PDB file of all heavy atoms in Angstrom:
ATOM      1  N   GLY A   1     109.196 249.855 162.116  1.00  0.00           N
ATOM      2  CA  GLY A   1     110.058 249.088 161.263  1.00  0.00           C
ATOM      3  C   GLY A   1     111.491 248.735 161.771  1.00  0.00           C
ATOM      4  O   GLY A   1     112.282 248.145 161.086  1.00  0.00           O
ATOM      5  N   PHE A   2     111.736 249.392 162.933  1.00  0.00           N
ATOM      6  CA  PHE A   2     113.067 249.227 163.530  1.00  0.00           C
ATOM      7  C   PHE A   2     112.910 248.172 164.704  1.00  0.00           C
ATOM      8  O   PHE A   2     111.986 248.280 165.502  1.00  0.00           O
ATOM      9  CB  PHE A   2     113.688 250.470 164.079  1.00  0.00           C
ATOM     10  CG  PHE A   2     113.971 251.419 162.906  1.00  0.00           C
ATOM     11  CD1 PHE A   2     113.032 252.350 162.579  1.00  0.00           C
ATOM     12  CD2 PHE A   2     115.160 251.367 162.210  1.00  0.00           C
ATOM     13  CE1 PHE A   2     113.281 253.299 161.516  1.00  0.00           C
ATOM     14  CE2 PHE A   2     115.447 252.262 161.182  1.00  0.00           C
ATOM     15  CZ  PHE A   2     114.444 253.278 160.804  1.00  0.00           C
ATOM     16  N   THR A   3     113.983 247.389 164.899  1.00  0.00           N
ATOM     17  CA  THR A   3     114.009 246.386 165.975  1.00  0.00           C
ATOM     18  C   THR A   3     114.998 246.873 167.074  1.00  0.00           C
ATOM     19  O   THR A   3     116.206 247.178 166.661  1.00  0.00           O
ATOM     20  CB  THR A   3     114.367 244.995 165.531  1.00  0.00           C
ATOM     21  OG1 THR A   3     113.344 244.538 164.562  1.00  0.00           O
ATOM     22  CG2 THR A   3     114.403 244.023 166.714  1.00  0.00           C
ATOM     23  N   THR A   4     114.542 246.933 168.241  1.00  0.00           N
ATOM     24  CA  THR A   4     115.403 247.349 169.377  1.00  0.00           C
ATOM     25  C   THR A   4     115.520 246.148 170.358  1.00  0.00           C
ATOM     26  O   THR A   4     114.519 245.466 170.517  1.00  0.00           O
ATOM     27  CB  THR A   4     115.010 248.590 170.121  1.00  0.00           C
ATOM     28  OG1 THR A   4     113.646 248.416 170.509  1.00  0.00           O
ATOM     29  CG2 THR A   4     115.042 249.796 169.146  1.00  0.00           C
ATOM     30  N   GLU A   5     116.666 246.002 170.928  1.00  0.00           N
ATOM     31  CA  GLU A   5     116.863 244.861 171.859  1.00  0.00           C
ATOM     32  C   GLU A   5     117.059 245.512 173.260  1.00  0.00           C
ATOM     33  O   GLU A   5     117.515 246.554 173.446  1.00  0.00           O
ATOM     34  CB  GLU A   5     118.084 244.117 171.516  1.00  0.00           C
ATOM     35  CG  GLU A   5     117.950 243.380 170.145  1.00  0.00           C
ATOM     36  CD  GLU A   5     119.170 242.614 169.777  1.00  0.00           C
ATOM     37  OE1 GLU A   5     120.244 242.892 170.402  1.00  0.00           O
ATOM     38  OE2 GLU A   5     119.074 241.752 168.877  1.00  0.00           O
ATOM     39  N   GLY A   6     116.574 244.737 174.190  1.00  0.00           N
ATOM     40  CA  GLY A   6     116.732 245.071 175.643  1.00  0.00           C
ATOM     41  C   GLY A   6     116.833 243.918 176.509  1.00  0.00           C
ATOM     42  O   GLY A   6     116.854 242.692 176.066  1.00  0.00           O
ATOM     43  N   GLY A   7     116.716 244.066 177.772  1.00  0.00           N
ATOM     44  CA  GLY A   7     116.672 242.922 178.684  1.00  0.00           C
ATOM     45  C   GLY A   7     116.692 243.320 180.129  1.00  0.00           C
ATOM     46  O   GLY A   7     116.744 244.471 180.529  1.00  0.00           O
ATOM     47  N   GLY A   8     116.833 242.297 180.949  1.00  0.00           N
ATOM     48  CA  GLY A   8     116.903 242.411 182.350  1.00  0.00           C
ATOM     49  C   GLY A   8     117.004 241.060 183.061  1.00  0.00           C
ATOM     50  O   GLY A   8     117.688 240.189 182.447  1.00  0.00           O
ATOM     51  N   SER A   9     116.485 241.007 184.183  1.00  0.00           N
ATOM     52  CA  SER A   9     116.654 239.782 184.967  1.00  0.00           C
ATOM     53  C   SER A   9     115.252 239.263 185.478  1.00  0.00           C
ATOM     54  O   SER A   9     114.256 239.999 185.423  1.00  0.00           O
ATOM     55  CB  SER A   9     117.554 239.982 186.157  1.00  0.00           C
ATOM     56  OG  SER A   9     118.794 240.506 185.797  1.00  0.00           O
ATOM     57  N   GLY A  10     115.242 238.126 185.958  1.00  0.00           N
ATOM     58  CA  GLY A  10     114.123 237.565 186.617  1.00  0.00           C
ATOM     59  C   GLY A  10     114.393 236.420 187.568  1.00  0.00           C
ATOM     60  O   GLY A  10     115.623 236.071 187.619  1.00  0.00           O
ATOM     61  N   TRP A  11     113.450 235.864 188.192  1.00  0.00           N
ATOM     62  CA  TRP A  11     113.702 234.716 189.115  1.00  0.00           C
ATOM     63  C   TRP A  11     112.514 233.798 189.183  1.00  0.00           C
ATOM     64  O   TRP A  11     111.435 234.266 188.967  1.00  0.00           O
ATOM     65  CB  TRP A  11     114.016 235.258 190.480  1.00  0.00           C
ATOM     66  CG  TRP A  11     113.075 236.146 191.164  1.00  0.00           C
ATOM     67  CD1 TRP A  11     112.941 237.584 190.876  1.00  0.00           C
ATOM     68  CD2 TRP A  11     112.121 235.915 192.118  1.00  0.00           C
ATOM     69  NE1 TRP A  11     111.951 238.065 191.583  1.00  0.00           N
ATOM     70  CE2 TRP A  11     111.385 237.052 192.386  1.00  0.00           C
ATOM     71  CE3 TRP A  11     111.681 234.707 192.753  1.00  0.00           C
ATOM     72  CZ2 TRP A  11     110.271 237.090 193.284  1.00  0.00           C
ATOM     73  CZ3 TRP A  11     110.628 234.741 193.632  1.00  0.00           C
ATOM     74  CH2 TRP A  11     109.967 235.988 193.868  1.00  0.00           C
ATOM     75  N   ILE A  12     112.815 232.560 189.343  1.00  0.00           N
ATOM     76  CA  ILE A  12     111.882 231.520 189.258  1.00  0.00           C
ATOM     77  C   ILE A  12     111.133 231.379 190.547  1.00  0.00           C
ATOM     78  O   ILE A  12     111.710 231.142 191.598  1.00  0.00           O
ATOM     79  CB  ILE A  12     112.425 230.148 188.912  1.00  0.00           C
ATOM     80  CG1 ILE A  12     113.288 230.221 187.520  1.00  0.00           C
ATOM     81  CG2 ILE A  12     111.473 229.015 188.843  1.00  0.00           C
ATOM     82  CD1 ILE A  12     114.198 229.033 187.342  1.00  0.00           C
ATOM     83  N   ILE A  13     109.846 231.576 190.589  1.00  0.00           N
ATOM     84  CA  ILE A  13     109.085 231.550 191.765  1.00  0.00           C
ATOM     85  C   ILE A  13     108.349 230.220 191.933  1.00  0.00           C
ATOM     86  O   ILE A  13     107.893 229.867 193.035  1.00  0.00           O
ATOM     87  CB  ILE A  13     107.983 232.721 191.830  1.00  0.00           C
ATOM     88  CG1 ILE A  13     107.455 232.892 193.275  1.00  0.00           C
ATOM     89  CG2 ILE A  13     106.925 232.536 190.858  1.00  0.00           C
ATOM     90  CD1 ILE A  13     106.560 234.083 193.542  1.00  0.00           C
ATOM     91  N   ASP A  14     108.185 229.512 190.771  1.00  0.00           N
ATOM     92  CA  ASP A  14     107.512 228.183 190.849  1.00  0.00           C
ATOM     93  C   ASP A  14     108.269 227.197 189.986  1.00  0.00           C
ATOM     94  O   ASP A  14     108.624 227.589 188.882  1.00  0.00           O
ATOM     95  CB  ASP A  14     106.126 228.314 190.418  1.00  0.00           C
ATOM     96  CG  ASP A  14     105.190 227.030 190.675  1.00  0.00           C
ATOM     97  OD1 ASP A  14     104.749 226.870 191.737  1.00  0.00           O
ATOM     98  OD2 ASP A  14     105.188 226.274 189.758  1.00  0.00           O
ATOM     99  N   GLU A  15     108.429 225.933 190.443  1.00  0.00           N
ATOM    100  CA  GLU A  15     109.232 225.026 189.723  1.00  0.00           C
ATOM    101  C   GLU A  15     108.656 224.654 188.349  1.00  0.00           C
ATOM    102  O   GLU A  15     109.259 224.094 187.448  1.00  0.00           O
ATOM    103  CB  GLU A  15     109.348 223.739 190.508  1.00  0.00           C
ATOM    104  CG  GLU A  15     108.119 222.991 190.776  1.00  0.00           C
ATOM    105  CD  GLU A  15     108.243 221.651 191.551  1.00  0.00           C
ATOM    106  OE1 GLU A  15     109.373 221.526 192.121  1.00  0.00           O
ATOM    107  OE2 GLU A  15     107.300 220.908 191.607  1.00  0.00           O
ATOM    108  N   SER A  16     107.243 225.062 188.055  1.00  0.00           N
ATOM    109  CA  SER A  16     106.746 224.731 186.791  1.00  0.00           C
ATOM    110  C   SER A  16     107.295 225.672 185.703  1.00  0.00           C
ATOM    111  O   SER A  16     106.982 225.545 184.590  1.00  0.00           O
ATOM    112  CB  SER A  16     105.215 224.878 186.964  1.00  0.00           C
ATOM    113  OG  SER A  16     104.811 226.243 187.236  1.00  0.00           O
ATOM    114  N   GLY A  17     108.081 226.716 186.091  1.00  0.00           N
ATOM    115  CA  GLY A  17     108.695 227.609 185.129  1.00  0.00           C
ATOM    116  C   GLY A  17     108.094 229.056 185.192  1.00  0.00           C
ATOM    117  O   GLY A  17     108.362 229.863 184.221  1.00  0.00           O
ATOM    118  N   ILE A  18     107.327 229.347 186.219  1.00  0.00           N
ATOM    119  CA  ILE A  18     106.779 230.737 186.354  1.00  0.00           C
ATOM    120  C   ILE A  18     107.910 231.611 186.913  1.00  0.00           C
ATOM    121  O   ILE A  18     108.556 231.342 187.824  1.00  0.00           O
ATOM    122  CB  ILE A  18     105.605 230.761 187.300  1.00  0.00           C
ATOM    123  CG1 ILE A  18     104.497 229.929 186.729  1.00  0.00           C
ATOM    124  CG2 ILE A  18     105.111 232.167 187.528  1.00  0.00           C
ATOM    125  CD1 ILE A  18     103.288 229.834 187.654  1.00  0.00           C
ATOM    126  N   ILE A  19     108.181 232.761 186.177  1.00  0.00           N
ATOM    127  CA  ILE A  19     109.252 233.714 186.502  1.00  0.00           C
ATOM    128  C   ILE A  19     108.645 235.054 186.738  1.00  0.00           C
ATOM    129  O   ILE A  19     107.700 235.525 186.125  1.00  0.00           O
ATOM    130  CB  ILE A  19     110.131 233.710 185.233  1.00  0.00           C
ATOM    131  CG1 ILE A  19     110.863 232.362 185.064  1.00  0.00           C
ATOM    132  CG2 ILE A  19     111.103 234.899 185.386  1.00  0.00           C
ATOM    133  CD1 ILE A  19     111.597 232.206 183.692  1.00  0.00           C
ATOM    134  N   VAL A  20     109.265 235.701 187.773  1.00  0.00           N
ATOM    135  CA  VAL A  20     108.865 237.085 188.118  1.00  0.00           C
ATOM    136  C   VAL A  20     109.941 238.092 187.533  1.00  0.00           C
ATOM    137  O   VAL A  20     111.116 237.789 187.680  1.00  0.00           O
ATOM    138  CB  VAL A  20     108.850 237.220 189.645  1.00  0.00           C
ATOM    139  CG1 VAL A  20     108.541 238.648 190.121  1.00  0.00           C
ATOM    140  CG2 VAL A  20     107.683 236.310 190.205  1.00  0.00           C
ATOM    141  N   THR A  21     109.461 239.172 187.144  1.00  0.00           N
ATOM    142  CA  THR A  21     110.448 240.283 186.684  1.00  0.00           C
ATOM    143  C   THR A  21     109.702 241.633 186.847  1.00  0.00           C
ATOM    144  O   THR A  21     108.772 241.698 187.381  1.00  0.00           O
ATOM    145  CB  THR A  21     110.849 239.956 185.206  1.00  0.00           C
ATOM    146  OG1 THR A  21     111.847 240.966 184.870  1.00  0.00           O
ATOM    147  CG2 THR A  21     109.654 240.050 184.228  1.00  0.00           C
ATOM    148  N   ASN A  22     110.353 242.657 186.299  1.00  0.00           N
ATOM    149  CA  ASN A  22     109.725 243.982 186.291  1.00  0.00           C
ATOM    150  C   ASN A  22     108.903 244.131 185.027  1.00  0.00           C
ATOM    151  O   ASN A  22     109.211 243.608 183.981  1.00  0.00           O
ATOM    152  CB  ASN A  22     110.856 245.114 186.340  1.00  0.00           C
ATOM    153  CG  ASN A  22     111.453 245.282 187.609  1.00  0.00           C
ATOM    154  OD1 ASN A  22     112.595 245.620 187.772  1.00  0.00           O
ATOM    155  ND2 ASN A  22     110.611 245.225 188.741  1.00  0.00           N
ATOM    156  N   ALA A  23     107.823 244.931 185.106  1.00  0.00           N
ATOM    157  CA  ALA A  23     106.962 245.181 184.004  1.00  0.00           C
ATOM    158  C   ALA A  23     107.792 245.844 182.902  1.00  0.00           C
ATOM    159  O   ALA A  23     107.585 245.659 181.729  1.00  0.00           O
ATOM    160  CB  ALA A  23     105.692 246.013 184.364  1.00  0.00           C
ATOM    161  N   HIS A  24     108.568 246.876 183.354  1.00  0.00           N
ATOM    162  CA  HIS A  24     109.326 247.659 182.354  1.00  0.00           C
ATOM    163  C   HIS A  24     110.407 246.863 181.522  1.00  0.00           C
ATOM    164  O   HIS A  24     110.813 247.313 180.541  1.00  0.00           O
ATOM    165  CB  HIS A  24     109.899 248.876 182.894  1.00  0.00           C
ATOM    166  CG  HIS A  24     111.238 248.663 183.773  1.00  0.00           C
ATOM    167  ND1 HIS A  24     111.134 248.540 185.149  1.00  0.00           N
ATOM    168  CD2 HIS A  24     112.508 248.452 183.417  1.00  0.00           C
ATOM    169  CE1 HIS A  24     112.355 248.367 185.648  1.00  0.00           C
ATOM    170  NE2 HIS A  24     113.168 248.318 184.618  1.00  0.00           N
ATOM    171  N   VAL A  25     110.712 245.657 182.083  1.00  0.00           N
ATOM    172  CA  VAL A  25     111.678 244.785 181.352  1.00  0.00           C
ATOM    173  C   VAL A  25     111.028 244.135 180.097  1.00  0.00           C
ATOM    174  O   VAL A  25     111.583 244.018 179.053  1.00  0.00           O
ATOM    175  CB  VAL A  25     112.227 243.738 182.274  1.00  0.00           C
ATOM    176  CG1 VAL A  25     113.010 242.624 181.518  1.00  0.00           C
ATOM    177  CG2 VAL A  25     113.071 244.243 183.349  1.00  0.00           C
ATOM    178  N   VAL A  26     109.787 243.776 180.214  1.00  0.00           N
ATOM    179  CA  VAL A  26     109.058 243.159 179.114  1.00  0.00           C
ATOM    180  C   VAL A  26     108.013 243.864 178.416  1.00  0.00           C
ATOM    181  O   VAL A  26     107.434 243.395 177.470  1.00  0.00           O
ATOM    182  CB  VAL A  26     108.498 241.781 179.702  1.00  0.00           C
ATOM    183  CG1 VAL A  26     109.615 240.873 180.184  1.00  0.00           C
ATOM    184  CG2 VAL A  26     107.475 242.005 180.824  1.00  0.00           C
ATOM    185  N   SER A  27     107.514 244.981 178.922  1.00  0.00           N
ATOM    186  CA  SER A  27     106.481 245.751 178.321  1.00  0.00           C
ATOM    187  C   SER A  27     106.842 246.147 176.927  1.00  0.00           C
ATOM    188  O   SER A  27     107.941 246.716 176.629  1.00  0.00           O
ATOM    189  CB  SER A  27     106.226 247.043 179.112  1.00  0.00           C
ATOM    190  OG  SER A  27     105.578 246.722 180.307  1.00  0.00           O
ATOM    191  N   GLY A  28     105.839 245.942 175.978  1.00  0.00           N
ATOM    192  CA  GLY A  28     106.090 246.333 174.584  1.00  0.00           C
ATOM    193  C   GLY A  28     106.906 245.326 173.754  1.00  0.00           C
ATOM    194  O   GLY A  28     107.158 245.630 172.598  1.00  0.00           O
ATOM    195  N   ALA A  29     107.412 244.312 174.453  1.00  0.00           N
ATOM    196  CA  ALA A  29     108.205 243.330 173.690  1.00  0.00           C
ATOM    197  C   ALA A  29     107.405 242.553 172.586  1.00  0.00           C
ATOM    198  O   ALA A  29     106.287 242.059 172.961  1.00  0.00           O
ATOM    199  CB  ALA A  29     108.947 242.348 174.661  1.00  0.00           C
ATOM    200  N   SER A  30     108.052 242.327 171.479  1.00  0.00           N
ATOM    201  CA  SER A  30     107.392 241.516 170.480  1.00  0.00           C
ATOM    202  C   SER A  30     107.873 240.057 170.691  1.00  0.00           C
ATOM    203  O   SER A  30     107.207 239.047 170.165  1.00  0.00           O
ATOM    204  CB  SER A  30     107.680 241.972 169.109  1.00  0.00           C
ATOM    205  OG  SER A  30     109.125 242.116 168.968  1.00  0.00           O
ATOM    206  N   SER A  31     109.042 239.876 171.262  1.00  0.00           N
ATOM    207  CA  SER A  31     109.512 238.545 171.510  1.00  0.00           C
ATOM    208  C   SER A  31     110.399 238.538 172.772  1.00  0.00           C
ATOM    209  O   SER A  31     111.031 239.591 173.117  1.00  0.00           O
ATOM    210  CB  SER A  31     110.215 237.937 170.379  1.00  0.00           C
ATOM    211  OG  SER A  31     111.423 238.621 170.166  1.00  0.00           O
ATOM    212  N   ILE A  32     110.436 237.446 173.533  1.00  0.00           N
ATOM    213  CA  ILE A  32     111.246 237.419 174.709  1.00  0.00           C
ATOM    214  C   ILE A  32     111.926 235.996 174.787  1.00  0.00           C
ATOM    215  O   ILE A  32     111.288 235.011 174.459  1.00  0.00           O
ATOM    216  CB  ILE A  32     110.272 237.534 175.997  1.00  0.00           C
ATOM    217  CG1 ILE A  32     109.575 238.802 175.963  1.00  0.00           C
ATOM    218  CG2 ILE A  32     111.136 237.410 177.309  1.00  0.00           C
ATOM    219  CD1 ILE A  32     108.520 238.972 177.151  1.00  0.00           C
ATOM    220  N   THR A  33     113.136 236.011 175.176  1.00  0.00           N
ATOM    221  CA  THR A  33     113.803 234.726 175.447  1.00  0.00           C
ATOM    222  C   THR A  33     114.422 234.687 176.844  1.00  0.00           C
ATOM    223  O   THR A  33     114.777 235.835 177.343  1.00  0.00           O
ATOM    224  CB  THR A  33     115.057 234.506 174.473  1.00  0.00           C
ATOM    225  OG1 THR A  33     115.897 235.604 174.477  1.00  0.00           O
ATOM    226  CG2 THR A  33     114.436 234.343 173.053  1.00  0.00           C
ATOM    227  N   VAL A  34     114.413 233.645 177.494  1.00  0.00           N
ATOM    228  CA  VAL A  34     114.983 233.532 178.826  1.00  0.00           C
ATOM    229  C   VAL A  34     116.203 232.555 178.753  1.00  0.00           C
ATOM    230  O   VAL A  34     116.105 231.447 178.224  1.00  0.00           O
ATOM    231  CB  VAL A  34     113.865 232.930 179.792  1.00  0.00           C
ATOM    232  CG1 VAL A  34     114.504 232.442 181.107  1.00  0.00           C
ATOM    233  CG2 VAL A  34     112.842 234.010 179.988  1.00  0.00           C
ATOM    234  N   THR A  35     117.254 232.962 179.441  1.00  0.00           N
ATOM    235  CA  THR A  35     118.434 232.094 179.538  1.00  0.00           C
ATOM    236  C   THR A  35     118.466 231.668 181.076  1.00  0.00           C
ATOM    237  O   THR A  35     118.648 232.485 181.893  1.00  0.00           O
ATOM    238  CB  THR A  35     119.720 232.936 179.244  1.00  0.00           C
ATOM    239  OG1 THR A  35     119.603 233.366 177.849  1.00  0.00           O
ATOM    240  CG2 THR A  35     120.885 232.028 179.259  1.00  0.00           C
ATOM    241  N   LEU A  36     118.412 230.405 181.211  1.00  0.00           N
ATOM    242  CA  LEU A  36     118.471 229.679 182.536  1.00  0.00           C
ATOM    243  C   LEU A  36     119.912 229.712 183.058  1.00  0.00           C
ATOM    244  O   LEU A  36     120.921 229.922 182.211  1.00  0.00           O
ATOM    245  CB  LEU A  36     117.843 228.339 182.557  1.00  0.00           C
ATOM    246  CG  LEU A  36     116.432 228.166 182.059  1.00  0.00           C
ATOM    247  CD1 LEU A  36     116.041 226.743 182.121  1.00  0.00           C
ATOM    248  CD2 LEU A  36     115.492 229.047 182.990  1.00  0.00           C
ATOM    249  N   ASP A  37     120.119 229.532 184.329  1.00  0.00           N
ATOM    250  CA  ASP A  37     121.470 229.473 184.845  1.00  0.00           C
ATOM    251  C   ASP A  37     122.229 228.354 184.247  1.00  0.00           C
ATOM    252  O   ASP A  37     123.527 228.370 184.223  1.00  0.00           O
ATOM    253  CB  ASP A  37     121.362 229.266 186.405  1.00  0.00           C
ATOM    254  CG  ASP A  37     122.698 229.379 187.077  1.00  0.00           C
ATOM    255  OD1 ASP A  37     123.380 230.502 186.958  1.00  0.00           O
ATOM    256  OD2 ASP A  37     123.072 228.402 187.692  1.00  0.00           O
ATOM    257  N   ASP A  38     121.628 227.294 183.817  1.00  0.00           N
ATOM    258  CA  ASP A  38     122.378 226.175 183.271  1.00  0.00           C
ATOM    259  C   ASP A  38     122.705 226.440 181.779  1.00  0.00           C
ATOM    260  O   ASP A  38     123.233 225.524 181.135  1.00  0.00           O
ATOM    261  CB  ASP A  38     121.644 224.786 183.425  1.00  0.00           C
ATOM    262  CG  ASP A  38     120.278 224.827 182.724  1.00  0.00           C
ATOM    263  OD1 ASP A  38     120.018 225.713 181.955  1.00  0.00           O
ATOM    264  OD2 ASP A  38     119.455 223.995 183.103  1.00  0.00           O
ATOM    265  N   GLY A  39     122.456 227.566 181.221  1.00  0.00           N
ATOM    266  CA  GLY A  39     122.777 227.888 179.839  1.00  0.00           C
ATOM    267  C   GLY A  39     121.698 227.687 178.867  1.00  0.00           C
ATOM    268  O   GLY A  39     121.798 228.077 177.733  1.00  0.00           O
TER     269      GLY A  39
END
């Protein structure tokens, strides 16, 4: 019943929008948002 927030970084490996990151950054997440360099 509690919501916790976290995050990390990633990098674009393919121009179609595929992003690489660490598993521990996104494991267990119920929702994820990505902020691009252009905001």
